[in-house]
Amino acid sequence: MLTSITDGILCCLTGKTASLVLPLELSEASDGFEFVEVKPGRVLRVRHIVPEHQPPDTDAGLVKTDAGCDDENSDSDSAGTSVHCKRKITVYRNGQLVIENLGDVLHSEILQCQDGDLEPCSTVEVELADYKELPSSPDPNPAPPPGLLSSEEQKPAPPPRRRRRKPKRTVLIDSKRVISSCKGTHSDVALFFIHGVGGSLDIWSSQLDFFSRLGYEVIAPDLAGHGASTAPQIAAAYTFYALAEDLRAIFKRYARKRNILIGHSYGVSFCTFLAHEYPDLVHKVVMINGGGPTALEPSLCSIFQLPSCVLHCLSPCLAWSFLKAGFARQGAKEKQLLKQGNAFNVSPFVLRAMMSGQYWPEGDEVYHAELTVPILLVHGMCDKFVPVEEDQRMAEILLFAFLKVIEEGSHMVMMECPDTVNTLLHEFFLWEPDMSRKDSRRADPDKAACDTVGTQKLNKPLDKH
């Protein structure tokens, strides 16, 4: 995902060299704030809100929440719908990627087929450079070769065949997944909100309040060096792998049987990592302005390679630049959103280390194509950091991809349009595929119009009108 620059300007309100962290003995503070020591001396602030109908249980880890176990006390509708996820991913040496969807998971009821097309395209081809170019249009009346007569009996030479090189790698996925709605009244559902570079859990304030009132258990951590978490003065503490291990510890501590991950920008990469590591525990994923499915590499020519003292002096310019690019409007409301709480209060050292540590070669297209969890892509049309084409490419690669574009939103769409985002996320949490009408839709093509709210079909271009 192209987050090496998109999130970087989030450091805009710099000026403090370290984050303030309360002692561990004060971990059970008011408003659901806790402090979790993920490693010795490495403490993250976490906002954990447990609904009143659920007893606080910080020991609800992976051992107790194994998705493969039957829960006799779970709600009756938690069984959901079983779908078959089967696809073949072929990678060629020049970078070409061919994805063949072989199972019945791509039924039109799930992917919202259009124009009565009951069977969507089952193959995705990316970067077709591996195929040899066909010759240009032949002359309709070519001259016969020497020694041969031009007659009707003379058969034309067959056109050259396309030749594909030997595959470098082939990945086969064959699994069954149970997809069900996730209501706040379900005691086995937990929502994880993960911010990006320069942010904090405060950017999710509207979402945390909204879903906690609906009865959801919500968990939102501050990444190391952000918000009120500790800020180690060593660059190795801010690499992708170091942060991913922090979030793995948070996930293992708070995970339930069905977990939904919501990430913003750089935080989307960590959601992808967790969904790949724990496919039986991650129920659904939401990616907000995350970009395309490309491996992470730090930008060597970025402004964030400058020394920390220079970045500190440039902080006013960075603040103005982010306000212009991160929000669709630059009024008093947006300025207040930018300054509120601990959001975007990041030291220049942490920012520089975060940008330099964005190295994740495993997170390529194949890695994303292996995900079988339903994923909602949310994109702010006015986003100047991540173009919409990046999320469209992500939708083509993923198996379960629903793309929703918010016209009036930008990079910080969840802060600009909280009501729209909250409604969209809630509908996705409650959604489950309805396979019962499969036969009836095949019998009556006129009823093929799908009714899934706020989704886009996989492998079809986004209608900008």
Protein backbone atom coordinates (compact mmCIF):
# COMPACT_ATOMS: atom_id res chain seq x y z
CA MET A 1 0.00 0.00 0.00
CA LEU A 2 1.26 3.46 -0.85
CA THR A 3 1.53 4.79 2.66
CA SER A 4 5.16 5.84 2.81
CA ILE A 5 4.14 9.44 2.14
CA THR A 6 0.38 9.52 2.57
CA ASP A 7 0.48 9.27 6.35
CA GLY A 8 3.76 11.00 6.92
CA ILE A 9 2.50 14.57 7.00
CA LEU A 10 0.30 13.56 9.92
CA CYS A 11 3.12 14.68 12.17
CA CYS A 12 1.90 18.20 11.62
CA LEU A 13 1.58 19.22 15.28
CA THR A 14 5.02 18.24 16.46
CA GLY A 15 6.87 19.79 19.32
CA LYS A 16 7.05 17.14 22.05
CA THR A 17 9.94 14.71 22.19
CA ALA A 18 8.09 11.93 23.97
CA SER A 19 4.56 10.86 24.77
CA LEU A 20 3.20 11.05 28.28
CA VAL A 21 2.37 7.65 29.75
CA LEU A 22 0.67 6.96 33.06
CA PRO A 23 2.09 4.33 35.42
CA LEU A 24 0.97 0.77 34.88
CA GLU A 25 -0.82 0.69 38.22
CA LEU A 26 -3.20 3.31 36.82
CA SER A 27 -4.06 1.10 33.87
CA GLU A 28 -7.76 0.95 34.71
CA ALA A 29 -8.49 4.61 34.15
CA SER A 30 -11.84 6.20 33.42
CA ASP A 31 -13.46 6.30 29.96
CA GLY A 32 -12.16 2.81 29.21
CA PHE A 33 -8.46 3.71 28.90
CA GLU A 34 -5.94 1.00 29.77
CA PHE A 35 -2.17 0.72 29.52
CA VAL A 36 -0.79 -2.58 28.24
CA GLU A 37 2.87 -3.53 28.42
CA VAL A 38 3.42 -5.44 25.19
CA LYS A 39 7.15 -5.78 25.90
CA PRO A 40 9.33 -4.77 28.85
CA GLY A 41 9.30 -0.99 28.90
CA ARG A 42 7.03 -0.79 25.84
CA VAL A 43 3.59 0.34 26.97
CA LEU A 44 0.65 1.13 24.71
CA ARG A 45 -2.42 3.11 25.63
CA VAL A 46 -5.60 1.27 24.69
CA ARG A 47 -9.18 2.45 24.84
CA HIS A 48 -11.24 -0.59 25.72
CA ILE A 49 -14.99 -0.19 26.14
CA VAL A 50 -16.95 -3.26 27.22
CA PRO A 51 -20.77 -3.22 26.94
CA GLU A 52 -22.71 -3.43 30.16
CA HIS A 53 -24.14 -6.85 29.23
CA GLN A 54 -20.62 -8.29 29.00
CA PRO A 55 -18.41 -8.80 32.07
CA PRO A 56 -14.94 -7.28 31.64
CA ASP A 57 -12.61 -10.13 30.78
CA THR A 58 -9.12 -9.11 29.79
CA ASP A 59 -8.09 -12.75 29.60
CA ALA A 60 -10.30 -13.41 26.57
CA GLY A 61 -7.38 -14.37 24.40
CA LEU A 62 -6.90 -16.69 21.49
CA VAL A 63 -7.14 -19.82 23.61
CA LYS A 64 -10.69 -19.03 24.68
CA THR A 65 -11.78 -17.57 21.37
CA ASP A 66 -10.82 -20.27 18.92
CA ALA A 67 -13.20 -19.84 16.00
CA GLY A 68 -13.09 -23.53 15.28
CA CYS A 69 -14.84 -24.40 18.55
CA ASP A 70 -18.58 -24.63 18.88
CA ASP A 71 -20.13 -22.13 21.24
CA GLU A 72 -23.41 -23.45 22.55
CA ASN A 73 -24.20 -20.14 24.22
CA SER A 74 -23.76 -18.03 21.11
CA ASP A 75 -26.71 -16.38 19.38
CA SER A 76 -28.71 -18.45 16.98
CA ASP A 77 -27.86 -16.23 13.99
CA SER A 78 -24.11 -16.46 14.63
CA ALA A 79 -24.00 -19.56 12.42
CA GLY A 80 -24.37 -17.35 9.36
CA THR A 81 -23.90 -18.60 5.81
CA SER A 82 -21.20 -21.01 4.75
CA VAL A 83 -19.44 -20.06 1.51
CA HIS A 84 -16.76 -21.92 -0.42
CA CYS A 85 -13.58 -19.94 -1.07
CA LYS A 86 -11.53 -21.53 -3.82
CA ARG A 87 -9.09 -19.77 -6.11
CA LYS A 88 -5.85 -20.33 -7.97
CA ILE A 89 -3.17 -17.63 -7.99
CA THR A 90 -0.40 -17.91 -10.59
CA VAL A 91 2.66 -15.66 -10.52
CA TYR A 92 5.04 -15.39 -13.48
CA ARG A 93 8.64 -14.28 -13.46
CA ASN A 94 8.00 -10.90 -15.06
CA GLY A 95 5.45 -9.92 -12.39
CA GLN A 96 2.26 -11.03 -14.14
CA LEU A 97 -0.44 -12.18 -11.76
CA VAL A 98 -3.40 -14.34 -12.81
CA ILE A 99 -6.17 -15.05 -10.29
CA GLU A 100 -8.76 -17.71 -11.07
CA ASN A 101 -11.81 -17.89 -8.80
CA LEU A 102 -12.84 -21.53 -8.86
CA GLY A 103 -15.40 -21.83 -6.05
CA ASP A 104 -18.99 -20.69 -5.71
CA VAL A 105 -18.05 -17.80 -3.45
CA LEU A 106 -18.35 -15.35 -6.33
CA HIS A 107 -22.08 -15.83 -6.62
CA SER A 108 -23.92 -12.80 -7.91
CA GLU A 109 -25.80 -12.39 -4.63
CA ILE A 110 -22.51 -11.58 -2.92
CA LEU A 111 -20.78 -9.50 -5.55
CA GLN A 112 -23.81 -7.58 -6.84
CA CYS A 113 -23.85 -8.59 -10.47
CA GLN A 114 -25.21 -6.10 -12.95
CA ASP A 115 -27.11 -6.13 -16.24
CA GLY A 116 -28.45 -9.62 -15.59
CA ASP A 117 -24.99 -11.18 -15.73
CA LEU A 118 -25.43 -14.01 -13.28
CA GLU A 119 -21.87 -15.23 -13.46
CA PRO A 120 -19.22 -12.56 -12.89
CA CYS A 121 -15.80 -12.81 -14.42
CA SER A 122 -13.90 -15.56 -12.64
CA THR A 123 -10.38 -14.58 -13.70
CA VAL A 124 -8.34 -11.50 -12.95
CA GLU A 125 -5.20 -10.83 -14.96
CA VAL A 126 -2.74 -8.18 -13.87
CA GLU A 127 0.16 -6.80 -15.91
CA LEU A 128 -0.21 -8.84 -19.06
CA ALA A 129 3.34 -8.10 -20.21
CA ASP A 130 4.13 -11.80 -20.17
CA TYR A 131 2.07 -12.42 -23.27
CA LYS A 132 3.79 -11.88 -26.58
CA GLU A 133 2.35 -9.04 -28.64
CA LEU A 134 0.17 -10.15 -31.50
CA PRO A 135 1.14 -8.81 -34.95
CA SER A 136 -0.68 -5.82 -36.33
CA SER A 137 -3.76 -6.28 -38.52
CA PRO A 138 -2.75 -8.22 -41.63
CA ASP A 139 -3.31 -6.97 -45.11
CA PRO A 140 -6.78 -8.14 -46.24
CA ASN A 141 -5.31 -9.06 -49.68
CA PRO A 142 -1.79 -10.29 -49.05
CA ALA A 143 0.39 -11.32 -51.93
CA PRO A 144 0.95 -15.07 -52.21
CA PRO A 145 4.39 -16.32 -51.26
CA PRO A 146 6.73 -17.16 -54.11
CA GLY A 147 6.04 -20.51 -55.69
CA LEU A 148 2.48 -20.70 -54.37
CA LEU A 149 -0.68 -19.91 -56.25
CA SER A 150 -3.39 -17.74 -54.73
CA SER A 151 -6.48 -19.94 -54.70
CA GLU A 152 -9.44 -20.64 -52.50
CA GLU A 153 -7.96 -24.04 -51.68
CA GLN A 154 -4.89 -22.38 -50.15
CA LYS A 155 -5.56 -22.21 -46.42
CA PRO A 156 -4.31 -19.13 -44.58
CA ALA A 157 -1.62 -19.66 -42.00
CA PRO A 158 -2.99 -19.91 -38.47
CA PRO A 159 -2.45 -16.85 -36.30
CA PRO A 160 0.43 -17.07 -33.86
CA ARG A 161 -0.54 -18.50 -30.51
CA ARG A 162 -0.03 -16.71 -27.27
CA ARG A 163 2.65 -18.33 -25.19
CA ARG A 164 2.86 -18.04 -21.44
CA ARG A 165 6.06 -18.69 -19.61
CA LYS A 166 6.42 -21.27 -16.91
CA PRO A 167 4.86 -20.05 -13.66
CA LYS A 168 7.21 -18.94 -10.95
CA ARG A 169 4.75 -19.66 -8.17
CA THR A 170 1.27 -21.11 -7.87
CA VAL A 171 -0.94 -20.68 -4.81
CA LEU A 172 -4.08 -22.78 -4.30
CA ILE A 173 -6.72 -21.70 -1.79
CA ASP A 174 -9.56 -24.02 -0.87
CA SER A 175 -11.43 -23.22 2.32
CA LYS A 176 -14.90 -22.76 3.70
CA ARG A 177 -15.84 -19.70 5.70
CA VAL A 178 -18.91 -18.95 7.78
CA ILE A 179 -20.01 -15.35 7.32
CA SER A 180 -22.61 -13.98 9.70
CA SER A 181 -23.84 -10.64 10.91
CA CYS A 182 -22.08 -9.07 13.88
CA LYS A 183 -24.44 -7.27 16.23
CA GLY A 184 -23.45 -5.35 19.29
CA THR A 185 -25.55 -7.70 21.40
CA HIS A 186 -23.29 -10.60 20.45
CA SER A 187 -20.89 -11.27 23.28
CA ASP A 188 -18.35 -12.86 20.94
CA VAL A 189 -17.81 -9.77 18.73
CA ALA A 190 -14.99 -7.25 19.14
CA LEU A 191 -14.06 -4.25 16.99
CA PHE A 192 -10.39 -3.25 16.62
CA PHE A 193 -9.58 0.26 15.34
CA ILE A 194 -6.00 0.87 14.14
CA HIS A 195 -4.75 4.33 13.15
CA GLY A 196 -1.92 5.28 10.79
CA VAL A 197 1.29 7.30 10.98
CA GLY A 198 1.03 10.43 13.10
CA GLY A 199 -2.47 9.70 14.38
CA SER A 200 -3.76 8.22 17.60
CA LEU A 201 -6.83 6.44 18.85
CA ASP A 202 -8.46 9.88 19.13
CA ILE A 203 -9.10 9.97 15.38
CA TRP A 204 -11.68 7.22 16.01
CA SER A 205 -13.59 9.14 18.70
CA SER A 206 -16.83 9.30 16.72
CA GLN A 207 -16.67 5.62 15.81
CA LEU A 208 -15.77 4.45 19.32
CA ASP A 209 -18.63 6.39 20.88
CA PHE A 210 -21.11 5.33 18.21
CA PHE A 211 -20.43 1.60 18.33
CA SER A 212 -19.99 1.41 22.09
CA ARG A 213 -23.47 2.91 22.49
CA LEU A 214 -24.78 0.18 20.19
CA GLY A 215 -23.37 -2.44 22.54
CA TYR A 216 -20.16 -3.33 20.70
CA GLU A 217 -16.94 -4.09 22.51
CA VAL A 218 -14.36 -1.72 21.00
CA ILE A 219 -10.59 -1.72 21.24
CA ALA A 220 -8.40 1.09 19.90
CA PRO A 221 -4.65 1.24 20.66
CA ASP A 222 -2.11 4.02 20.27
CA LEU A 223 0.87 2.84 18.24
CA ALA A 224 4.26 3.16 19.87
CA GLY A 225 5.34 6.81 19.90
CA HIS A 226 1.79 8.00 19.26
CA GLY A 227 -0.87 9.39 21.55
CA ALA A 228 -0.11 8.41 25.14
CA SER A 229 1.97 5.31 24.39
CA THR A 230 5.67 5.14 25.17
CA ALA A 231 8.08 6.51 22.58
CA PRO A 232 11.32 4.49 22.58
CA GLN A 233 14.28 6.50 21.31
CA ILE A 234 15.50 3.78 18.98
CA ALA A 235 14.56 3.61 15.31
CA ALA A 236 14.18 -0.19 15.33
CA ALA A 237 11.12 0.20 17.58
CA TYR A 238 9.13 1.70 14.71
CA THR A 239 9.65 -0.77 11.89
CA PHE A 240 6.62 -2.46 10.42
CA TYR A 241 7.49 -5.77 12.05
CA ALA A 242 8.00 -4.22 15.49
CA LEU A 243 4.64 -2.43 15.33
CA ALA A 244 2.96 -5.54 13.93
CA GLU A 245 4.16 -7.58 16.90
CA ASP A 246 2.78 -4.91 19.25
CA LEU A 247 -0.61 -5.18 17.60
CA ARG A 248 -0.42 -8.95 17.63
CA ALA A 249 -0.05 -8.78 21.42
CA ILE A 250 -3.02 -6.40 21.68
CA PHE A 251 -5.10 -8.64 19.44
CA LYS A 252 -4.26 -11.77 21.44
CA ARG A 253 -5.21 -9.99 24.66
CA TYR A 254 -8.62 -8.70 23.61
CA ALA A 255 -9.70 -11.00 20.75
CA ARG A 256 -13.11 -12.65 20.86
CA LYS A 257 -14.55 -15.38 18.68
CA ARG A 258 -15.49 -12.98 15.88
CA ASN A 259 -13.28 -9.93 15.43
CA ILE A 260 -13.60 -7.05 12.98
CA LEU A 261 -10.53 -5.00 12.09
CA ILE A 262 -10.87 -1.37 11.01
CA GLY A 263 -7.72 0.33 9.74
CA HIS A 264 -6.90 3.76 8.34
CA SER A 265 -4.06 4.37 5.86
CA TYR A 266 -0.91 2.73 7.29
CA GLY A 267 -3.12 0.97 9.82
CA VAL A 268 -4.67 -0.99 6.94
CA SER A 269 -1.39 -2.86 6.50
CA PHE A 270 -1.55 -4.09 10.09
CA CYS A 271 -5.15 -5.18 9.62
CA THR A 272 -4.06 -7.17 6.58
CA PHE A 273 -1.25 -8.73 8.59
CA LEU A 274 -3.56 -9.81 11.41
CA ALA A 275 -6.21 -11.12 9.02
CA HIS A 276 -3.56 -13.21 7.29
CA GLU A 277 -2.13 -14.49 10.57
CA TYR A 278 -5.48 -15.31 12.23
CA PRO A 279 -7.96 -16.21 9.45
CA ASP A 280 -10.24 -18.12 11.84
CA LEU A 281 -10.55 -15.22 14.26
CA VAL A 282 -10.81 -12.24 11.93
CA HIS A 283 -14.41 -12.12 10.73
CA LYS A 284 -14.40 -8.99 8.58
CA VAL A 285 -12.02 -6.15 7.70
CA VAL A 286 -12.57 -2.48 6.87
CA MET A 287 -9.86 -0.62 4.93
CA ILE A 288 -10.18 3.18 4.91
CA ASN A 289 -8.00 4.99 2.35
CA GLY A 290 -5.40 2.24 2.49
CA GLY A 291 -4.14 2.30 -1.10
CA GLY A 292 -3.20 -0.53 -3.39
CA PRO A 293 -2.02 -4.08 -2.59
CA THR A 294 1.68 -3.40 -3.01
CA ALA A 295 4.60 -4.32 -0.76
CA LEU A 296 5.80 -1.55 1.55
CA GLU A 297 9.13 0.11 0.88
CA PRO A 298 10.44 3.32 2.46
CA SER A 299 10.79 6.29 0.12
CA LEU A 300 14.48 7.20 -0.13
CA CYS A 301 13.75 10.59 -1.68
CA SER A 302 11.13 11.58 0.85
CA ILE A 303 11.25 14.77 2.88
CA PHE A 304 11.04 12.57 5.94
CA GLN A 305 14.64 11.47 5.42
CA LEU A 306 15.72 14.89 6.66
CA PRO A 307 17.15 15.14 10.19
CA SER A 308 14.67 15.34 13.05
CA CYS A 309 15.66 18.90 13.91
CA VAL A 310 14.88 20.02 10.36
CA LEU A 311 11.50 18.31 10.48
CA HIS A 312 10.78 20.08 13.74
CA CYS A 313 11.46 23.46 12.11
CA LEU A 314 9.27 22.52 9.16
CA SER A 315 6.35 21.44 11.36
CA PRO A 316 4.19 24.55 10.66
CA CYS A 317 4.54 23.97 6.92
CA LEU A 318 3.76 20.29 7.32
CA ALA A 319 0.71 21.15 9.40
CA TRP A 320 -0.65 23.44 6.71
CA SER A 321 0.19 20.93 3.97
CA PHE A 322 -1.66 18.15 5.74
CA LEU A 323 -4.67 20.37 6.41
CA LYS A 324 -4.85 21.15 2.69
CA ALA A 325 -4.39 17.57 1.55
CA GLY A 326 -5.94 15.56 4.37
CA PHE A 327 -9.29 17.34 4.56
CA ALA A 328 -11.70 18.22 1.78
CA ARG A 329 -12.32 21.60 3.47
CA GLN A 330 -10.01 23.78 5.53
CA GLY A 331 -12.44 25.56 7.83
CA ALA A 332 -12.50 26.05 11.57
CA LYS A 333 -14.08 22.62 12.09
CA GLU A 334 -11.26 20.86 10.28
CA LYS A 335 -8.61 22.81 12.17
CA GLN A 336 -10.24 21.83 15.43
CA LEU A 337 -10.36 18.18 14.38
CA LEU A 338 -6.70 18.40 13.53
CA LYS A 339 -5.72 19.70 16.96
CA GLN A 340 -8.07 17.87 19.27
CA GLY A 341 -6.77 15.43 21.84
CA ASN A 342 -3.48 13.67 21.24
CA ALA A 343 -4.10 13.18 17.54
CA PHE A 344 -1.11 14.08 15.35
CA ASN A 345 1.11 14.97 18.30
CA VAL A 346 4.18 13.04 17.18
CA SER A 347 7.83 13.89 17.71
CA PRO A 348 10.04 14.37 14.62
CA PHE A 349 12.19 11.39 15.66
CA VAL A 350 9.18 9.06 15.77
CA LEU A 351 7.92 10.36 12.45
CA ARG A 352 11.26 9.87 10.73
CA ALA A 353 11.65 6.37 12.19
CA MET A 354 8.09 5.41 11.18
CA MET A 355 8.62 6.52 7.59
CA SER A 356 12.00 4.79 7.33
CA GLY A 357 10.66 1.59 8.88
CA GLN A 358 7.86 0.97 6.40
CA TYR A 359 9.48 -2.12 4.93
CA TRP A 360 7.16 -5.09 4.35
CA PRO A 361 8.14 -7.07 1.23
CA GLU A 362 5.70 -9.91 2.04
CA GLY A 363 2.68 -7.65 1.68
CA ASP A 364 2.43 -7.92 -2.09
CA GLU A 365 -0.51 -8.68 -4.36
CA VAL A 366 -0.34 -12.42 -3.76
CA TYR A 367 -0.40 -11.85 0.00
CA HIS A 368 -3.60 -9.81 -0.33
CA ALA A 369 -5.13 -12.24 -2.83
CA GLU A 370 -4.83 -15.02 -0.26
CA LEU A 371 -7.28 -13.30 2.10
CA THR A 372 -10.70 -14.97 2.22
CA VAL A 373 -12.33 -12.61 4.72
CA PRO A 374 -15.00 -10.13 3.53
CA ILE A 375 -13.44 -6.67 3.20
CA LEU A 376 -15.07 -3.25 2.91
CA LEU A 377 -13.00 -0.58 1.16
CA VAL A 378 -13.90 3.00 2.06
CA HIS A 379 -12.38 5.81 0.01
CA GLY A 380 -12.74 9.58 0.27
CA MET A 381 -13.01 10.91 -3.26
CA CYS A 382 -11.18 14.14 -2.33
CA ASP A 383 -8.19 12.23 -0.91
CA LYS A 384 -5.01 13.84 -2.29
CA PHE A 385 -2.76 11.21 -0.73
CA VAL A 386 -4.31 7.98 -2.01
CA PRO A 387 -5.93 8.06 -5.49
CA VAL A 388 -9.12 6.12 -6.00
CA GLU A 389 -7.35 3.92 -8.56
CA GLU A 390 -5.34 2.40 -5.72
CA ASP A 391 -8.45 1.17 -3.90
CA GLN A 392 -9.93 0.01 -7.18
CA ARG A 393 -6.86 -2.12 -7.74
CA MET A 394 -7.21 -3.48 -4.22
CA ALA A 395 -10.81 -4.43 -4.99
CA GLU A 396 -9.66 -6.37 -8.05
CA ILE A 397 -7.12 -8.40 -6.11
CA LEU A 398 -9.20 -9.27 -3.04
CA LEU A 399 -11.68 -12.13 -3.09
CA PHE A 400 -14.45 -10.46 -1.04
CA ALA A 401 -14.17 -6.78 -1.92
CA PHE A 402 -16.82 -4.09 -1.55
CA LEU A 403 -15.72 -0.59 -2.54
CA LYS A 404 -17.59 2.46 -1.31
CA VAL A 405 -16.59 5.97 -2.33
CA ILE A 406 -17.69 8.93 -0.22
CA GLU A 407 -17.86 11.94 -2.51
CA GLU A 408 -17.48 14.62 0.17
CA GLY A 409 -14.74 12.85 2.11
CA SER A 410 -10.96 13.05 1.96
CA HIS A 411 -8.09 11.20 3.64
CA MET A 412 -9.55 11.75 7.12
CA VAL A 413 -13.03 10.74 6.00
CA MET A 414 -13.94 9.14 9.34
CA MET A 415 -13.41 12.52 11.04
CA GLU A 416 -14.99 14.62 8.29
CA CYS A 417 -18.07 12.46 7.68
CA PRO A 418 -18.53 10.46 10.90
CA ASP A 419 -22.24 9.79 10.42
CA THR A 420 -21.77 8.47 6.88
CA VAL A 421 -18.84 6.28 7.86
CA ASN A 422 -20.56 4.95 10.97
CA THR A 423 -23.67 3.99 9.04
CA LEU A 424 -21.64 2.35 6.29
CA LEU A 425 -19.56 0.34 8.74
CA HIS A 426 -22.60 -0.74 10.74
CA GLU A 427 -24.37 -2.01 7.62
CA PHE A 428 -21.27 -4.01 6.73
CA PHE A 429 -21.06 -5.49 10.22
CA LEU A 430 -24.67 -6.66 10.00
CA TRP A 431 -24.35 -7.94 6.43
CA GLU A 432 -24.16 -11.62 5.58
CA PRO A 433 -24.50 -13.30 2.16
CA ASP A 434 -27.87 -14.75 1.30
CA MET A 435 -27.27 -17.93 -0.68
CA SER A 436 -30.84 -19.17 -0.32
CA ARG A 437 -32.04 -17.23 -3.36
CA LYS A 438 -29.37 -18.61 -5.65
CA ASP A 439 -31.66 -20.92 -7.61
CA SER A 440 -34.51 -18.40 -7.83
CA ARG A 441 -32.23 -15.74 -9.29
CA ARG A 442 -30.95 -18.14 -11.92
CA ALA A 443 -34.54 -18.98 -12.86
CA ASP A 444 -35.62 -15.34 -13.09
CA PRO A 445 -32.91 -13.05 -14.52
CA ASP A 446 -35.17 -10.02 -13.96
CA LYS A 447 -34.59 -10.42 -10.23
CA ALA A 448 -30.82 -10.40 -10.60
CA ALA A 449 -30.48 -6.83 -9.39
CA CYS A 450 -28.71 -7.04 -6.06
CA ASP A 451 -29.76 -5.12 -2.97
CA THR A 452 -26.53 -5.00 -0.98
CA VAL A 453 -26.18 -1.42 0.28
CA GLY A 454 -23.09 0.62 -0.59
CA THR A 455 -21.11 -2.03 -2.50
CA GLN A 456 -19.34 -2.24 -5.81
CA LYS A 457 -18.84 -5.34 -7.91
CA LEU A 458 -15.41 -6.89 -7.96
CA ASN A 459 -13.44 -6.46 -11.19
CA LYS A 460 -15.79 -3.77 -12.53
CA PRO A 461 -14.73 -0.12 -12.93
CA LEU A 462 -16.18 2.39 -10.50
CA ASP A 463 -19.00 4.46 -11.90
CA LYS A 464 -18.00 8.04 -11.13
CA HIS A 465 -21.41 9.34 -12.14
